[in-house]
Amino acid sequence: MTIPRFFTFPLILFLSLSCNSQSNFIVGIFDDEPITYEDISEYTKIGNNSKVAFNLALNDLILLKKANEMKITPDEKLVEINLKNIAEKNNIEINLLKKNPDFPIIFQKILDKLKIAIVTKLIIDSNNNLDVWLTNEKKDRYINFFE
């Protein structure tokens, strides 16, 4: 079986192998779930301002909730490919990555990113416009403290 190129992208994770956070505060809420500064930091690190970063984090949260509702589980091969990519990018052996104390966090982030990618593809494949779908999902369900 060939794995679609869509899923083999190297995950851009904010993975420094030590996940330290100096300050973490709530920047918004979606369905009674807080969105923290740490949640949006992934997006600000790649050059987005706080408002854009908040919206990107909110989109991912909505997509992840949908994936969990649909009980989407990424294929083990996809997870392993992404673990290998992270190990290569950090110039370490995969077995050392798996022994890292932060590995459970890293592993969960990989699963979440893959779930988001899968549900995004499903939405697009069902002839839905992703932006319109996300806008409808956001309606009256979030508070953005940046606005």
N, C-alpha and C. Protein backbone atom coordinates (compact mmCIF):
# COMPACT_ATOMS: atom_id res chain seq x y z
N MET A 1 0.84 -1.18 0.00
CA MET A 1 0.00 0.00 0.00
C MET A 1 0.88 1.24 0.00
N THR A 2 0.58 2.16 -0.88
CA THR A 2 1.32 3.42 -0.88
C THR A 2 0.58 4.41 0.00
N ILE A 3 1.35 5.16 0.73
CA ILE A 3 0.79 6.17 1.62
C ILE A 3 0.68 7.47 0.85
N PRO A 4 -0.52 8.07 0.84
CA PRO A 4 -0.68 9.32 0.10
C PRO A 4 0.31 10.38 0.58
N ARG A 5 0.83 11.11 -0.37
CA ARG A 5 1.81 12.16 -0.07
C ARG A 5 1.27 13.16 0.94
N PHE A 6 -0.03 13.35 0.92
CA PHE A 6 -0.70 14.29 1.82
C PHE A 6 -0.35 13.99 3.28
N PHE A 7 -0.18 12.70 3.62
CA PHE A 7 0.04 12.31 5.00
C PHE A 7 1.51 12.13 5.36
N THR A 8 2.41 12.20 4.39
CA THR A 8 3.81 11.96 4.70
C THR A 8 4.58 13.25 4.91
N PHE A 9 3.87 14.37 4.93
CA PHE A 9 4.56 15.63 5.14
C PHE A 9 5.26 15.60 6.48
N PRO A 10 6.43 16.17 6.55
CA PRO A 10 7.07 16.22 7.87
C PRO A 10 6.26 17.14 8.77
N LEU A 11 5.88 16.64 9.89
CA LEU A 11 5.07 17.45 10.80
C LEU A 11 5.89 18.60 11.33
N ILE A 12 5.31 19.78 11.20
CA ILE A 12 5.99 20.95 11.76
C ILE A 12 5.47 21.09 13.17
N LEU A 13 6.22 20.54 14.07
CA LEU A 13 5.83 20.62 15.47
C LEU A 13 6.79 21.55 16.19
N PHE A 14 6.31 22.14 17.18
CA PHE A 14 7.19 23.00 17.96
C PHE A 14 7.88 22.12 19.00
N LEU A 15 8.68 21.20 18.47
CA LEU A 15 9.32 20.21 19.33
C LEU A 15 10.77 20.55 19.56
N SER A 16 11.00 21.25 20.58
CA SER A 16 12.34 21.22 21.09
C SER A 16 12.21 20.10 22.11
N LEU A 17 13.13 19.22 22.16
CA LEU A 17 12.92 18.00 22.92
C LEU A 17 12.75 18.22 24.41
N SER A 18 12.87 19.44 24.84
CA SER A 18 12.46 19.74 26.21
C SER A 18 11.32 20.74 26.12
N CYS A 19 10.16 20.35 26.52
CA CYS A 19 8.96 21.18 26.38
C CYS A 19 8.80 22.07 27.61
N ASN A 20 9.50 23.17 27.63
CA ASN A 20 9.41 24.09 28.76
C ASN A 20 8.51 25.25 28.40
N SER A 21 7.73 25.70 29.36
CA SER A 21 6.88 26.86 29.15
C SER A 21 7.10 27.82 30.31
N GLN A 22 7.54 29.02 29.97
CA GLN A 22 7.81 30.00 31.03
C GLN A 22 6.52 30.60 31.56
N SER A 23 5.58 30.87 30.65
CA SER A 23 4.31 31.41 31.10
C SER A 23 3.22 30.88 30.19
N ASN A 24 2.11 30.54 30.79
CA ASN A 24 1.00 30.02 30.03
C ASN A 24 -0.28 30.61 30.61
N PHE A 25 -1.04 31.29 29.76
CA PHE A 25 -2.27 31.90 30.21
C PHE A 25 -3.33 31.71 29.15
N ILE A 26 -4.58 31.84 29.53
CA ILE A 26 -5.70 31.62 28.63
C ILE A 26 -5.85 32.81 27.69
N VAL A 27 -5.93 32.52 26.39
CA VAL A 27 -6.11 33.58 25.39
C VAL A 27 -7.47 33.49 24.72
N GLY A 28 -8.21 32.41 24.98
CA GLY A 28 -9.53 32.25 24.40
C GLY A 28 -10.20 30.99 24.93
N ILE A 29 -11.44 30.81 24.55
CA ILE A 29 -12.21 29.64 24.98
C ILE A 29 -13.03 29.15 23.80
N PHE A 30 -13.09 27.83 23.64
CA PHE A 30 -13.95 27.21 22.62
C PHE A 30 -14.71 26.07 23.28
N ASP A 31 -16.04 26.14 23.24
CA ASP A 31 -16.88 25.11 23.87
C ASP A 31 -16.42 24.82 25.30
N ASP A 32 -16.21 25.84 26.07
CA ASP A 32 -15.78 25.72 27.47
C ASP A 32 -14.38 25.13 27.63
N GLU A 33 -13.64 24.99 26.56
CA GLU A 33 -12.27 24.49 26.63
C GLU A 33 -11.30 25.66 26.44
N PRO A 34 -10.39 25.87 27.39
CA PRO A 34 -9.48 27.01 27.26
C PRO A 34 -8.47 26.81 26.13
N ILE A 35 -8.14 27.91 25.48
CA ILE A 35 -7.05 27.95 24.51
C ILE A 35 -5.98 28.80 25.17
N THR A 36 -4.80 28.24 25.32
CA THR A 36 -3.75 28.92 26.07
C THR A 36 -2.71 29.53 25.14
N TYR A 37 -1.89 30.39 25.73
CA TYR A 37 -0.80 30.99 24.97
C TYR A 37 0.12 29.91 24.42
N GLU A 38 0.35 28.86 25.21
CA GLU A 38 1.18 27.75 24.75
C GLU A 38 0.58 27.09 23.50
N ASP A 39 -0.76 26.98 23.46
CA ASP A 39 -1.44 26.40 22.31
C ASP A 39 -1.18 27.19 21.03
N ILE A 40 -1.13 28.52 21.15
CA ILE A 40 -0.94 29.32 19.95
C ILE A 40 0.53 29.58 19.63
N SER A 41 1.43 29.25 20.57
CA SER A 41 2.85 29.55 20.37
C SER A 41 3.43 28.83 19.14
N GLU A 42 2.89 27.65 18.84
CA GLU A 42 3.33 26.92 17.64
C GLU A 42 3.17 27.80 16.39
N TYR A 43 2.10 28.56 16.35
CA TYR A 43 1.79 29.38 15.18
C TYR A 43 2.49 30.72 15.20
N THR A 44 2.77 31.26 16.38
CA THR A 44 3.51 32.52 16.44
C THR A 44 4.98 32.31 16.11
N LYS A 45 5.49 31.09 16.39
CA LYS A 45 6.90 30.79 16.08
C LYS A 45 7.18 30.79 14.59
N ILE A 46 6.15 30.58 13.77
CA ILE A 46 6.36 30.58 12.32
C ILE A 46 5.97 31.92 11.70
N GLY A 47 5.88 32.95 12.54
CA GLY A 47 5.75 34.31 12.03
C GLY A 47 4.36 34.91 12.01
N ASN A 48 3.39 34.25 12.59
CA ASN A 48 2.04 34.81 12.62
C ASN A 48 1.87 35.71 13.83
N ASN A 49 1.03 36.75 13.67
CA ASN A 49 0.71 37.57 14.83
C ASN A 49 -0.26 36.81 15.73
N SER A 50 -0.53 37.32 16.89
CA SER A 50 -1.34 36.60 17.88
C SER A 50 -2.76 36.32 17.40
N LYS A 51 -3.38 37.26 16.68
CA LYS A 51 -4.75 37.03 16.18
C LYS A 51 -4.78 35.89 15.17
N VAL A 52 -3.84 35.90 14.24
CA VAL A 52 -3.78 34.84 13.23
C VAL A 52 -3.45 33.51 13.90
N ALA A 53 -2.51 33.54 14.84
CA ALA A 53 -2.13 32.32 15.55
C ALA A 53 -3.32 31.74 16.32
N PHE A 54 -4.11 32.62 16.95
CA PHE A 54 -5.29 32.16 17.67
C PHE A 54 -6.25 31.45 16.72
N ASN A 55 -6.50 32.07 15.56
CA ASN A 55 -7.44 31.46 14.61
C ASN A 55 -6.92 30.12 14.08
N LEU A 56 -5.63 30.02 13.84
CA LEU A 56 -5.07 28.75 13.38
C LEU A 56 -5.19 27.67 14.47
N ALA A 57 -4.91 28.05 15.71
CA ALA A 57 -5.05 27.10 16.83
C ALA A 57 -6.51 26.69 17.01
N LEU A 58 -7.42 27.66 16.87
CA LEU A 58 -8.85 27.37 16.98
C LEU A 58 -9.29 26.41 15.88
N ASN A 59 -8.84 26.65 14.66
CA ASN A 59 -9.17 25.74 13.55
C ASN A 59 -8.70 24.33 13.86
N ASP A 60 -7.48 24.19 14.34
CA ASP A 60 -6.95 22.87 14.67
C ASP A 60 -7.75 22.21 15.79
N LEU A 61 -8.15 23.00 16.79
CA LEU A 61 -8.94 22.47 17.88
C LEU A 61 -10.28 21.95 17.38
N ILE A 62 -10.93 22.70 16.51
CA ILE A 62 -12.22 22.28 15.94
C ILE A 62 -12.04 21.00 15.12
N LEU A 63 -11.00 20.97 14.29
CA LEU A 63 -10.76 19.79 13.47
C LEU A 63 -10.42 18.57 14.32
N LEU A 64 -9.66 18.78 15.38
CA LEU A 64 -9.31 17.67 16.27
C LEU A 64 -10.55 17.15 17.00
N LYS A 65 -11.41 18.06 17.45
CA LYS A 65 -12.66 17.62 18.09
C LYS A 65 -13.51 16.80 17.12
N LYS A 66 -13.57 17.24 15.88
CA LYS A 66 -14.34 16.50 14.86
C LYS A 66 -13.73 15.13 14.63
N ALA A 67 -12.41 15.07 14.53
CA ALA A 67 -11.72 13.79 14.33
C ALA A 67 -12.00 12.85 15.49
N ASN A 68 -11.98 13.37 16.72
CA ASN A 68 -12.26 12.54 17.89
C ASN A 68 -13.71 12.08 17.91
N GLU A 69 -14.64 12.96 17.50
CA GLU A 69 -16.05 12.57 17.40
C GLU A 69 -16.21 11.42 16.40
N MET A 70 -15.44 11.50 15.31
CA MET A 70 -15.51 10.47 14.26
C MET A 70 -14.67 9.24 14.60
N LYS A 71 -13.99 9.29 15.74
CA LYS A 71 -13.13 8.19 16.20
C LYS A 71 -12.05 7.82 15.17
N ILE A 72 -11.46 8.86 14.59
CA ILE A 72 -10.38 8.68 13.62
C ILE A 72 -9.11 8.28 14.35
N THR A 73 -8.49 7.22 13.88
CA THR A 73 -7.22 6.75 14.45
C THR A 73 -6.22 6.64 13.31
N PRO A 74 -5.13 7.40 13.37
CA PRO A 74 -4.12 7.33 12.31
C PRO A 74 -3.47 5.95 12.25
N ASP A 75 -3.14 5.55 11.05
CA ASP A 75 -2.46 4.29 10.81
C ASP A 75 -1.10 4.27 11.49
N GLU A 76 -0.71 3.14 12.05
CA GLU A 76 0.58 3.02 12.75
C GLU A 76 1.75 3.38 11.84
N LYS A 77 1.65 3.05 10.55
CA LYS A 77 2.73 3.37 9.61
C LYS A 77 2.92 4.88 9.49
N LEU A 78 1.81 5.62 9.47
CA LEU A 78 1.90 7.08 9.40
C LEU A 78 2.57 7.65 10.63
N VAL A 79 2.22 7.11 11.78
CA VAL A 79 2.82 7.57 13.03
C VAL A 79 4.32 7.28 13.01
N GLU A 80 4.69 6.08 12.59
CA GLU A 80 6.10 5.68 12.56
C GLU A 80 6.90 6.55 11.59
N ILE A 81 6.32 6.85 10.43
CA ILE A 81 6.99 7.72 9.45
C ILE A 81 7.27 9.08 10.07
N ASN A 82 6.30 9.63 10.78
CA ASN A 82 6.47 10.95 11.39
C ASN A 82 7.45 10.91 12.54
N LEU A 83 7.48 9.83 13.30
CA LEU A 83 8.49 9.69 14.36
C LEU A 83 9.89 9.65 13.75
N LYS A 84 10.04 8.93 12.65
CA LYS A 84 11.35 8.87 11.97
C LYS A 84 11.75 10.25 11.47
N ASN A 85 10.79 11.00 10.92
CA ASN A 85 11.08 12.36 10.44
C ASN A 85 11.56 13.26 11.57
N ILE A 86 10.91 13.17 12.72
CA ILE A 86 11.29 13.99 13.87
C ILE A 86 12.68 13.59 14.36
N ALA A 87 12.92 12.29 14.44
CA ALA A 87 14.24 11.80 14.87
C ALA A 87 15.33 12.31 13.92
N GLU A 88 15.09 12.20 12.61
CA GLU A 88 16.07 12.67 11.62
C GLU A 88 16.30 14.17 11.75
N LYS A 89 15.24 14.94 11.89
CA LYS A 89 15.38 16.40 12.01
C LYS A 89 16.17 16.80 13.24
N ASN A 90 16.10 15.97 14.28
CA ASN A 90 16.81 16.26 15.52
C ASN A 90 18.13 15.50 15.62
N ASN A 91 18.51 14.84 14.52
CA ASN A 91 19.77 14.08 14.45
C ASN A 91 19.95 13.09 15.60
N ILE A 92 18.88 12.35 15.89
CA ILE A 92 18.97 11.31 16.90
C ILE A 92 18.35 10.02 16.36
N GLU A 93 18.68 8.93 16.99
CA GLU A 93 18.09 7.64 16.63
C GLU A 93 16.66 7.59 17.17
N ILE A 94 15.80 6.89 16.46
CA ILE A 94 14.39 6.82 16.86
C ILE A 94 14.24 6.19 18.24
N ASN A 95 15.10 5.21 18.58
CA ASN A 95 14.98 4.59 19.91
C ASN A 95 15.32 5.59 21.02
N LEU A 96 16.23 6.54 20.75
CA LEU A 96 16.53 7.59 21.73
C LEU A 96 15.35 8.55 21.87
N LEU A 97 14.70 8.84 20.74
CA LEU A 97 13.51 9.70 20.78
C LEU A 97 12.44 9.06 21.65
N LYS A 98 12.25 7.76 21.48
CA LYS A 98 11.22 7.06 22.25
C LYS A 98 11.56 6.98 23.74
N LYS A 99 12.83 7.09 24.09
CA LYS A 99 13.24 7.07 25.50
C LYS A 99 13.20 8.45 26.15
N ASN A 100 13.02 9.48 25.33
CA ASN A 100 12.97 10.85 25.85
C ASN A 100 11.80 10.99 26.83
N PRO A 101 12.00 11.67 27.95
CA PRO A 101 10.90 11.83 28.92
C PRO A 101 9.68 12.54 28.33
N ASP A 102 9.89 13.35 27.30
CA ASP A 102 8.77 14.06 26.66
C ASP A 102 8.11 13.25 25.55
N PHE A 103 8.53 12.01 25.36
CA PHE A 103 8.00 11.22 24.25
C PHE A 103 6.47 11.10 24.27
N PRO A 104 5.83 10.87 25.42
CA PRO A 104 4.36 10.80 25.38
C PRO A 104 3.71 12.08 24.82
N ILE A 105 4.29 13.22 25.14
CA ILE A 105 3.78 14.50 24.62
C ILE A 105 4.00 14.56 23.11
N ILE A 106 5.20 14.20 22.68
CA ILE A 106 5.55 14.21 21.26
C ILE A 106 4.62 13.26 20.50
N PHE A 107 4.44 12.07 21.03
CA PHE A 107 3.59 11.06 20.39
C PHE A 107 2.16 11.57 20.25
N GLN A 108 1.63 12.18 21.31
CA GLN A 108 0.26 12.70 21.25
C GLN A 108 0.13 13.82 20.23
N LYS A 109 1.15 14.67 20.13
CA LYS A 109 1.10 15.76 19.14
C LYS A 109 1.11 15.20 17.72
N ILE A 110 1.86 14.13 17.51
CA ILE A 110 1.86 13.48 16.19
C ILE A 110 0.47 12.94 15.89
N LEU A 111 -0.11 12.22 16.84
CA LEU A 111 -1.46 11.68 16.63
C LEU A 111 -2.45 12.79 16.33
N ASP A 112 -2.39 13.88 17.10
CA ASP A 112 -3.31 14.99 16.88
C ASP A 112 -3.14 15.61 15.50
N LYS A 113 -1.89 15.85 15.09
CA LYS A 113 -1.64 16.44 13.77
C LYS A 113 -2.14 15.53 12.65
N LEU A 114 -1.93 14.23 12.80
CA LEU A 114 -2.40 13.29 11.78
C LEU A 114 -3.92 13.24 11.75
N LYS A 115 -4.57 13.27 12.91
CA LYS A 115 -6.03 13.29 12.95
C LYS A 115 -6.56 14.53 12.25
N ILE A 116 -5.93 15.67 12.50
CA ILE A 116 -6.34 16.93 11.86
C ILE A 116 -6.19 16.82 10.35
N ALA A 117 -5.07 16.26 9.90
CA ALA A 117 -4.85 16.11 8.45
C ALA A 117 -5.89 15.19 7.83
N ILE A 118 -6.21 14.10 8.52
CA ILE A 118 -7.18 13.14 7.98
C ILE A 118 -8.57 13.75 7.91
N VAL A 119 -9.02 14.39 8.99
CA VAL A 119 -10.37 14.97 8.97
C VAL A 119 -10.44 16.13 7.97
N THR A 120 -9.37 16.89 7.82
CA THR A 120 -9.34 17.96 6.81
C THR A 120 -9.54 17.39 5.42
N LYS A 121 -8.82 16.31 5.14
CA LYS A 121 -8.96 15.66 3.82
C LYS A 121 -10.37 15.13 3.63
N LEU A 122 -10.96 14.54 4.66
CA LEU A 122 -12.33 14.03 4.56
C LEU A 122 -13.33 15.15 4.27
N ILE A 123 -13.15 16.29 4.92
CA ILE A 123 -14.05 17.43 4.70
C ILE A 123 -13.91 17.93 3.27
N ILE A 124 -12.68 18.08 2.82
CA ILE A 124 -12.45 18.56 1.46
C ILE A 124 -12.96 17.54 0.44
N ASP A 125 -12.70 16.25 0.67
CA ASP A 125 -13.14 15.20 -0.26
C ASP A 125 -14.66 15.11 -0.35
N SER A 126 -15.36 15.55 0.70
CA SER A 126 -16.82 15.50 0.65
C SER A 126 -17.40 16.77 0.02
N ASN A 127 -16.56 17.45 -0.76
CA ASN A 127 -16.94 18.65 -1.51
C ASN A 127 -17.36 19.82 -0.62
N ASN A 128 -16.82 19.87 0.57
CA ASN A 128 -17.07 21.01 1.44
C ASN A 128 -15.90 21.98 1.35
N ASN A 129 -16.22 23.25 1.41
CA ASN A 129 -15.19 24.26 1.49
C ASN A 129 -14.74 24.32 2.94
N LEU A 130 -13.48 24.05 3.19
CA LEU A 130 -12.96 23.97 4.55
C LEU A 130 -13.18 25.27 5.32
N ASP A 131 -12.93 26.41 4.69
CA ASP A 131 -13.10 27.70 5.37
C ASP A 131 -14.55 27.94 5.77
N VAL A 132 -15.49 27.60 4.89
CA VAL A 132 -16.91 27.77 5.20
C VAL A 132 -17.31 26.81 6.32
N TRP A 133 -16.84 25.58 6.24
CA TRP A 133 -17.15 24.58 7.26
C TRP A 133 -16.65 25.05 8.63
N LEU A 134 -15.40 25.54 8.67
CA LEU A 134 -14.83 26.02 9.94
C LEU A 134 -15.60 27.22 10.48
N THR A 135 -15.97 28.14 9.59
CA THR A 135 -16.74 29.32 10.02
C THR A 135 -18.05 28.91 10.64
N ASN A 136 -18.73 27.95 10.05
CA ASN A 136 -19.99 27.46 10.61
C ASN A 136 -19.78 26.78 11.95
N GLU A 137 -18.70 26.05 12.09
CA GLU A 137 -18.41 25.36 13.36
C GLU A 137 -18.06 26.36 14.47
N LYS A 138 -17.46 27.48 14.12
CA LYS A 138 -17.04 28.47 15.11
C LYS A 138 -18.20 29.31 15.64
N LYS A 139 -19.24 29.43 14.85
CA LYS A 139 -20.33 30.35 15.14
C LYS A 139 -20.80 30.25 16.59
N ASP A 140 -20.68 31.35 17.31
CA ASP A 140 -21.17 31.48 18.69
C ASP A 140 -20.59 30.43 19.65
N ARG A 141 -19.43 29.88 19.34
CA ARG A 141 -18.87 28.83 20.20
C ARG A 141 -17.50 29.20 20.77
N TYR A 142 -17.04 30.43 20.52
CA TYR A 142 -15.71 30.76 21.03
C TYR A 142 -15.62 32.20 21.51
N ILE A 143 -14.63 32.43 22.35
CA ILE A 143 -14.29 33.76 22.82
C ILE A 143 -12.81 33.95 22.52
N ASN A 144 -12.47 35.06 21.86
CA ASN A 144 -11.10 35.37 21.54
C ASN A 144 -10.70 36.62 22.34
N PHE A 145 -9.79 36.46 23.26
CA PHE A 145 -9.39 37.59 24.09
C PHE A 145 -8.51 38.59 23.35
N PHE A 146 -8.13 38.27 22.09
CA PHE A 146 -7.35 39.21 21.29
C PHE A 146 -8.23 40.20 20.56
N GLU A 147 -9.54 39.97 20.51
CA GLU A 147 -10.45 40.86 19.79
C GLU A 147 -10.98 41.94 20.70
